[in-house]
Amino acid sequence: MNHETINNQKQFIIYACPIGDLNSQIEDYLNKTIELCGKNQAHNYMPHCTLTGFFTDELSSVSFYIKALNKAYTKAKNNNRTLDIEISKLTFNKNWHGLELQAEGLKKIITNFSQIEKSPTRQEKIRLKDWLHLSLAYGFNSEDAEKLKHLATEIIDIQASVNWELRFYQKNPNWTWNCLKSWSIV
């Protein structure tokens, strides 16, 4: 690989992101956790459910991914596949706090996307995620676990109104994000 190709390599990922009341509650929680306990790993990201692992490709390949995602999304909609994302529970493990999600229709879209997508420049296989979740806190100090749990149960209502968007992101080296395309999940 030549130097110019290496410089053109970008990181991409596909997320489902909440919008509406639940997202506002999560943002409020994240802001208050910084004040209460400092930052943890969840603060490096916007509220999201990861659908693929990061994958690297040239910026010129973006159109391949957007076309494939659009085709998989449209196929699901045309087949009347439910794209509902169900929040099954708010979970507090020793090292991770978050929302556990169920979304079989969304998993099918991502599986179809991975079968349709044929970028000629990507080297690795796209990794699909099986465990759908939205992280509220991880990588935190163990002594903060109870404070974080209390704050989450105080602020976050898993029955709150929420819509979701399927989003294709580029992650920049400085941990900023470019949303290259989004689709409403209804």
C-alpha atoms as a PDB file:
ATOM      1  CA  MET A   1       0.000   0.000   0.000  1.00  0.00           C
ATOM      2  CA  ASN A   2       1.434   3.388  -0.912  1.00  0.00           C
ATOM      3  CA  HIS A   3       1.640   6.391   1.414  1.00  0.00           C
ATOM      4  CA  GLU A   4      -1.203   8.240  -0.329  1.00  0.00           C
ATOM      5  CA  THR A   5      -3.576   5.276   0.154  1.00  0.00           C
ATOM      6  CA  ILE A   6      -2.705   5.016   3.855  1.00  0.00           C
ATOM      7  CA  ASN A   7      -3.516   8.721   4.325  1.00  0.00           C
ATOM      8  CA  ASN A   8      -6.891   8.231   2.628  1.00  0.00           C
ATOM      9  CA  GLN A   9      -7.928   5.460   5.032  1.00  0.00           C
ATOM     10  CA  LYS A  10     -10.796   6.455   7.327  1.00  0.00           C
ATOM     11  CA  GLN A  11     -12.698   4.669  10.083  1.00  0.00           C
ATOM     12  CA  PHE A  12     -16.419   4.039   9.649  1.00  0.00           C
ATOM     13  CA  ILE A  13     -19.149   2.517  11.802  1.00  0.00           C
ATOM     14  CA  ILE A  14     -22.921   2.027  11.782  1.00  0.00           C
ATOM     15  CA  TYR A  15     -25.002   3.008  14.797  1.00  0.00           C
ATOM     16  CA  ALA A  16     -28.648   3.228  15.777  1.00  0.00           C
ATOM     17  CA  CYS A  17     -29.052   6.500  17.689  1.00  0.00           C
ATOM     18  CA  PRO A  18     -31.965   7.568  19.879  1.00  0.00           C
ATOM     19  CA  ILE A  19     -33.758  10.864  19.367  1.00  0.00           C
ATOM     20  CA  GLY A  20     -36.472  12.378  21.528  1.00  0.00           C
ATOM     21  CA  ASP A  21     -37.093  12.319  25.268  1.00  0.00           C
ATOM     22  CA  LEU A  22     -34.952   9.261  26.006  1.00  0.00           C
ATOM     23  CA  ASN A  23     -31.969  10.797  24.222  1.00  0.00           C
ATOM     24  CA  SER A  24     -32.419  14.015  26.222  1.00  0.00           C
ATOM     25  CA  GLN A  25     -32.446  11.993  29.445  1.00  0.00           C
ATOM     26  CA  ILE A  26     -29.289  10.124  28.411  1.00  0.00           C
ATOM     27  CA  GLU A  27     -27.517  13.381  27.511  1.00  0.00           C
ATOM     28  CA  ASP A  28     -28.569  14.842  30.883  1.00  0.00           C
ATOM     29  CA  TYR A  29     -27.260  11.723  32.642  1.00  0.00           C
ATOM     30  CA  LEU A  30     -23.924  11.891  30.788  1.00  0.00           C
ATOM     31  CA  ASN A  31     -23.474  15.568  31.655  1.00  0.00           C
ATOM     32  CA  LYS A  32     -24.298  15.001  35.325  1.00  0.00           C
ATOM     33  CA  THR A  33     -21.970  11.987  35.566  1.00  0.00           C
ATOM     34  CA  ILE A  34     -19.065  14.188  34.475  1.00  0.00           C
ATOM     35  CA  GLU A  35     -19.866  16.593  37.325  1.00  0.00           C
ATOM     36  CA  LEU A  36     -20.348  13.772  39.834  1.00  0.00           C
ATOM     37  CA  CYS A  37     -17.647  11.244  38.881  1.00  0.00           C
ATOM     38  CA  GLY A  38     -15.646  12.611  35.961  1.00  0.00           C
ATOM     39  CA  LYS A  39     -15.541  11.151  32.461  1.00  0.00           C
ATOM     40  CA  ASN A  40     -15.725   7.461  31.624  1.00  0.00           C
ATOM     41  CA  GLN A  41     -15.441   5.646  28.290  1.00  0.00           C
ATOM     42  CA  ALA A  42     -19.098   6.287  27.371  1.00  0.00           C
ATOM     43  CA  HIS A  43     -18.330  10.009  27.131  1.00  0.00           C
ATOM     44  CA  ASN A  44     -16.244   9.422  23.977  1.00  0.00           C
ATOM     45  CA  TYR A  45     -19.412   8.700  21.988  1.00  0.00           C
ATOM     46  CA  MET A  46     -22.864  10.070  21.324  1.00  0.00           C
ATOM     47  CA  PRO A  47     -25.700   7.899  22.730  1.00  0.00           C
ATOM     48  CA  HIS A  48     -25.870   4.932  20.363  1.00  0.00           C
ATOM     49  CA  CYS A  49     -26.316   1.223  19.789  1.00  0.00           C
ATOM     50  CA  THR A  50     -23.381  -0.244  17.865  1.00  0.00           C
ATOM     51  CA  LEU A  51     -24.444  -2.333  14.861  1.00  0.00           C
ATOM     52  CA  THR A  52     -20.993  -2.987  13.353  1.00  0.00           C
ATOM     53  CA  GLY A  53     -17.451  -2.784  14.580  1.00  0.00           C
ATOM     54  CA  PHE A  54     -15.220  -0.038  13.207  1.00  0.00           C
ATOM     55  CA  PHE A  55     -13.996  -0.727   9.694  1.00  0.00           C
ATOM     56  CA  THR A  56     -11.347   1.068   7.683  1.00  0.00           C
ATOM     57  CA  ASP A  57     -11.608   2.090   4.052  1.00  0.00           C
ATOM     58  CA  GLU A  58     -10.900   4.937   1.681  1.00  0.00           C
ATOM     59  CA  LEU A  59     -13.121   8.002   1.839  1.00  0.00           C
ATOM     60  CA  SER A  60     -13.937   7.435  -1.834  1.00  0.00           C
ATOM     61  CA  SER A  61     -15.733   4.203  -0.833  1.00  0.00           C
ATOM     62  CA  VAL A  62     -18.478   5.970   1.158  1.00  0.00           C
ATOM     63  CA  SER A  63     -20.950   5.789  -1.738  1.00  0.00           C
ATOM     64  CA  PHE A  64     -20.690   1.955  -1.749  1.00  0.00           C
ATOM     65  CA  TYR A  65     -21.694   1.825   1.915  1.00  0.00           C
ATOM     66  CA  ILE A  66     -24.502   4.356   1.647  1.00  0.00           C
ATOM     67  CA  LYS A  67     -25.995   2.588  -1.387  1.00  0.00           C
ATOM     68  CA  ALA A  68     -25.805  -0.803   0.345  1.00  0.00           C
ATOM     69  CA  LEU A  69     -27.353   0.524   3.575  1.00  0.00           C
ATOM     70  CA  ASN A  70     -30.082   2.289   1.631  1.00  0.00           C
ATOM     71  CA  LYS A  71     -30.848  -0.899  -0.312  1.00  0.00           C
ATOM     72  CA  ALA A  72     -30.979  -3.037   2.858  1.00  0.00           C
ATOM     73  CA  TYR A  73     -33.124  -0.417   4.642  1.00  0.00           C
ATOM     74  CA  THR A  74     -35.526  -0.076   1.687  1.00  0.00           C
ATOM     75  CA  LYS A  75     -35.837  -3.868   1.368  1.00  0.00           C
ATOM     76  CA  ALA A  76     -36.775  -4.151   5.048  1.00  0.00           C
ATOM     77  CA  LYS A  77     -39.344  -1.355   4.733  1.00  0.00           C
ATOM     78  CA  ASN A  78     -40.826  -2.852   1.540  1.00  0.00           C
ATOM     79  CA  ASN A  79     -41.123  -6.263   3.233  1.00  0.00           C
ATOM     80  CA  ASN A  80     -42.984  -4.642   6.153  1.00  0.00           C
ATOM     81  CA  ARG A  81     -40.274  -5.864   8.518  1.00  0.00           C
ATOM     82  CA  THR A  82     -40.667  -4.318  11.947  1.00  0.00           C
ATOM     83  CA  LEU A  83     -37.732  -2.082  12.765  1.00  0.00           C
ATOM     84  CA  ASP A  84     -38.819  -1.457  16.334  1.00  0.00           C
ATOM     85  CA  ILE A  85     -36.100  -1.237  18.929  1.00  0.00           C
ATOM     86  CA  GLU A  86     -37.292  -2.520  22.279  1.00  0.00           C
ATOM     87  CA  ILE A  87     -35.504  -1.554  25.476  1.00  0.00           C
ATOM     88  CA  SER A  88     -35.569  -4.787  27.441  1.00  0.00           C
ATOM     89  CA  LYS A  89     -33.939  -3.494  30.623  1.00  0.00           C
ATOM     90  CA  LEU A  90     -31.623  -1.071  32.369  1.00  0.00           C
ATOM     91  CA  THR A  91     -28.620  -3.135  33.468  1.00  0.00           C
ATOM     92  CA  PHE A  92     -25.947  -2.437  36.079  1.00  0.00           C
ATOM     93  CA  ASN A  93     -22.981  -4.803  35.922  1.00  0.00           C
ATOM     94  CA  LYS A  94     -19.707  -4.377  37.784  1.00  0.00           C
ATOM     95  CA  ASN A  95     -17.961  -2.731  34.812  1.00  0.00           C
ATOM     96  CA  TRP A  96     -20.846  -1.672  32.561  1.00  0.00           C
ATOM     97  CA  HIS A  97     -24.142   0.216  32.930  1.00  0.00           C
ATOM     98  CA  GLY A  98     -26.581   0.577  30.071  1.00  0.00           C
ATOM     99  CA  LEU A  99     -29.744  -0.289  28.222  1.00  0.00           C
ATOM    100  CA  GLU A 100     -30.128  -3.756  26.743  1.00  0.00           C
ATOM    101  CA  LEU A 101     -31.998  -3.702  23.442  1.00  0.00           C
ATOM    102  CA  GLN A 102     -33.904  -6.111  21.205  1.00  0.00           C
ATOM    103  CA  ALA A 103     -34.200  -5.327  17.478  1.00  0.00           C
ATOM    104  CA  GLU A 104     -34.364  -8.342  15.173  1.00  0.00           C
ATOM    105  CA  GLY A 105     -35.435  -6.233  12.166  1.00  0.00           C
ATOM    106  CA  LEU A 106     -32.429  -3.974  12.609  1.00  0.00           C
ATOM    107  CA  LYS A 107     -30.106  -6.977  12.862  1.00  0.00           C
ATOM    108  CA  LYS A 108     -31.569  -8.219   9.565  1.00  0.00           C
ATOM    109  CA  ILE A 109     -30.879  -4.863   7.880  1.00  0.00           C
ATOM    110  CA  ILE A 110     -27.242  -4.992   8.970  1.00  0.00           C
ATOM    111  CA  THR A 111     -26.879  -8.624   7.884  1.00  0.00           C
ATOM    112  CA  ASN A 112     -28.345  -7.739   4.471  1.00  0.00           C
ATOM    113  CA  PHE A 113     -26.062  -4.707   4.276  1.00  0.00           C
ATOM    114  CA  SER A 114     -23.003  -6.888   4.884  1.00  0.00           C
ATOM    115  CA  GLN A 115     -24.099  -9.237   2.082  1.00  0.00           C
ATOM    116  CA  ILE A 116     -24.860  -6.436  -0.397  1.00  0.00           C
ATOM    117  CA  GLU A 117     -21.882  -4.173   0.315  1.00  0.00           C
ATOM    118  CA  LYS A 118     -18.921  -4.751  -2.008  1.00  0.00           C
ATOM    119  CA  SER A 119     -16.297  -2.061  -1.488  1.00  0.00           C
ATOM    120  CA  PRO A 120     -13.247  -2.915  -3.618  1.00  0.00           C
ATOM    121  CA  THR A 121     -10.858  -1.095  -1.268  1.00  0.00           C
ATOM    122  CA  ARG A 122     -11.733  -2.402   2.210  1.00  0.00           C
ATOM    123  CA  GLN A 123      -9.316  -5.037   3.503  1.00  0.00           C
ATOM    124  CA  GLU A 124     -11.152  -6.535   6.492  1.00  0.00           C
ATOM    125  CA  LYS A 125     -14.566  -8.116   6.867  1.00  0.00           C
ATOM    126  CA  ILE A 126     -17.242  -5.976   8.531  1.00  0.00           C
ATOM    127  CA  ARG A 127     -17.970  -7.313  12.023  1.00  0.00           C
ATOM    128  CA  LEU A 128     -21.667  -7.391  12.902  1.00  0.00           C
ATOM    129  CA  LYS A 129     -22.770  -6.955  16.518  1.00  0.00           C
ATOM    130  CA  ASP A 130     -25.028  -9.528  18.181  1.00  0.00           C
ATOM    131  CA  TRP A 131     -25.453  -7.941  21.610  1.00  0.00           C
ATOM    132  CA  LEU A 132     -27.455  -4.773  21.047  1.00  0.00           C
ATOM    133  CA  HIS A 133     -27.105  -2.258  23.845  1.00  0.00           C
ATOM    134  CA  LEU A 134     -26.652   1.418  24.611  1.00  0.00           C
ATOM    135  CA  SER A 135     -23.813   2.108  27.035  1.00  0.00           C
ATOM    136  CA  LEU A 136     -24.381   4.674  29.765  1.00  0.00           C
ATOM    137  CA  ALA A 137     -21.121   4.107  31.651  1.00  0.00           C
ATOM    138  CA  TYR A 138     -18.093   1.822  31.412  1.00  0.00           C
ATOM    139  CA  GLY A 139     -14.431   2.116  32.226  1.00  0.00           C
ATOM    140  CA  PHE A 140     -15.417   3.959  35.411  1.00  0.00           C
ATOM    141  CA  ASN A 141     -13.816   3.775  38.856  1.00  0.00           C
ATOM    142  CA  SER A 142     -15.418   0.977  40.873  1.00  0.00           C
ATOM    143  CA  GLU A 143     -16.065   3.343  43.792  1.00  0.00           C
ATOM    144  CA  ASP A 144     -18.351   5.383  41.474  1.00  0.00           C
ATOM    145  CA  ALA A 145     -20.587   2.435  40.510  1.00  0.00           C
ATOM    146  CA  GLU A 146     -23.340   3.087  43.067  1.00  0.00           C
ATOM    147  CA  LYS A 147     -23.420   6.843  42.378  1.00  0.00           C
ATOM    148  CA  LEU A 148     -23.703   6.170  38.640  1.00  0.00           C
ATOM    149  CA  LYS A 149     -26.432   3.581  39.193  1.00  0.00           C
ATOM    150  CA  HIS A 150     -28.426   5.901  41.447  1.00  0.00           C
ATOM    151  CA  LEU A 151     -28.150   8.750  38.943  1.00  0.00           C
ATOM    152  CA  ALA A 152     -29.245   6.511  36.050  1.00  0.00           C
ATOM    153  CA  THR A 153     -32.313   5.228  37.902  1.00  0.00           C
ATOM    154  CA  GLU A 154     -33.169   8.795  38.894  1.00  0.00           C
ATOM    155  CA  ILE A 155     -32.867  10.311  35.389  1.00  0.00           C
ATOM    156  CA  ILE A 156     -33.536   7.598  32.811  1.00  0.00           C
ATOM    157  CA  ASP A 157     -37.030   6.282  32.163  1.00  0.00           C
ATOM    158  CA  ILE A 158     -36.834   3.322  29.769  1.00  0.00           C
ATOM    159  CA  GLN A 159     -40.500   3.952  28.895  1.00  0.00           C
ATOM    160  CA  ALA A 160     -39.714   7.501  27.696  1.00  0.00           C
ATOM    161  CA  SER A 161     -40.683   8.509  24.188  1.00  0.00           C
ATOM    162  CA  VAL A 162     -37.955   7.650  21.692  1.00  0.00           C
ATOM    163  CA  ASN A 163     -37.427   7.370  17.974  1.00  0.00           C
ATOM    164  CA  TRP A 164     -34.290   5.934  16.435  1.00  0.00           C
ATOM    165  CA  GLU A 165     -32.105   6.683  13.452  1.00  0.00           C
ATOM    166  CA  LEU A 166     -29.821   4.330  11.567  1.00  0.00           C
ATOM    167  CA  ARG A 167     -26.601   6.310  11.024  1.00  0.00           C
ATOM    168  CA  PHE A 168     -23.435   5.805   9.013  1.00  0.00           C
ATOM    169  CA  TYR A 169     -20.531   7.606  10.716  1.00  0.00           C
ATOM    170  CA  GLN A 170     -16.943   8.480   9.986  1.00  0.00           C
ATOM    171  CA  LYS A 171     -14.783   8.678  13.126  1.00  0.00           C
ATOM    172  CA  ASN A 172     -11.989  11.215  12.943  1.00  0.00           C
ATOM    173  CA  PRO A 173      -8.598  10.730  14.645  1.00  0.00           C
ATOM    174  CA  ASN A 174      -9.478  13.440  17.218  1.00  0.00           C
ATOM    175  CA  TRP A 175     -12.651  11.564  18.278  1.00  0.00           C
ATOM    176  CA  THR A 176     -15.023  13.859  16.416  1.00  0.00           C
ATOM    177  CA  TRP A 177     -17.705  12.324  14.240  1.00  0.00           C
ATOM    178  CA  ASN A 178     -19.205  12.984  10.813  1.00  0.00           C
ATOM    179  CA  CYS A 179     -22.660  11.534  10.222  1.00  0.00           C
ATOM    180  CA  LEU A 180     -22.522  10.773   6.510  1.00  0.00           C
ATOM    181  CA  LYS A 181     -26.121   9.539   6.172  1.00  0.00           C
ATOM    182  CA  SER A 182     -29.085   8.714   8.414  1.00  0.00           C
ATOM    183  CA  TRP A 183     -32.379   6.879   8.034  1.00  0.00           C
ATOM    184  CA  SER A 184     -35.423   7.081  10.296  1.00  0.00           C
ATOM    185  CA  ILE A 185     -36.227   3.789  12.027  1.00  0.00           C
ATOM    186  CA  VAL A 186     -40.005   3.548  12.406  1.00  0.00           C
END
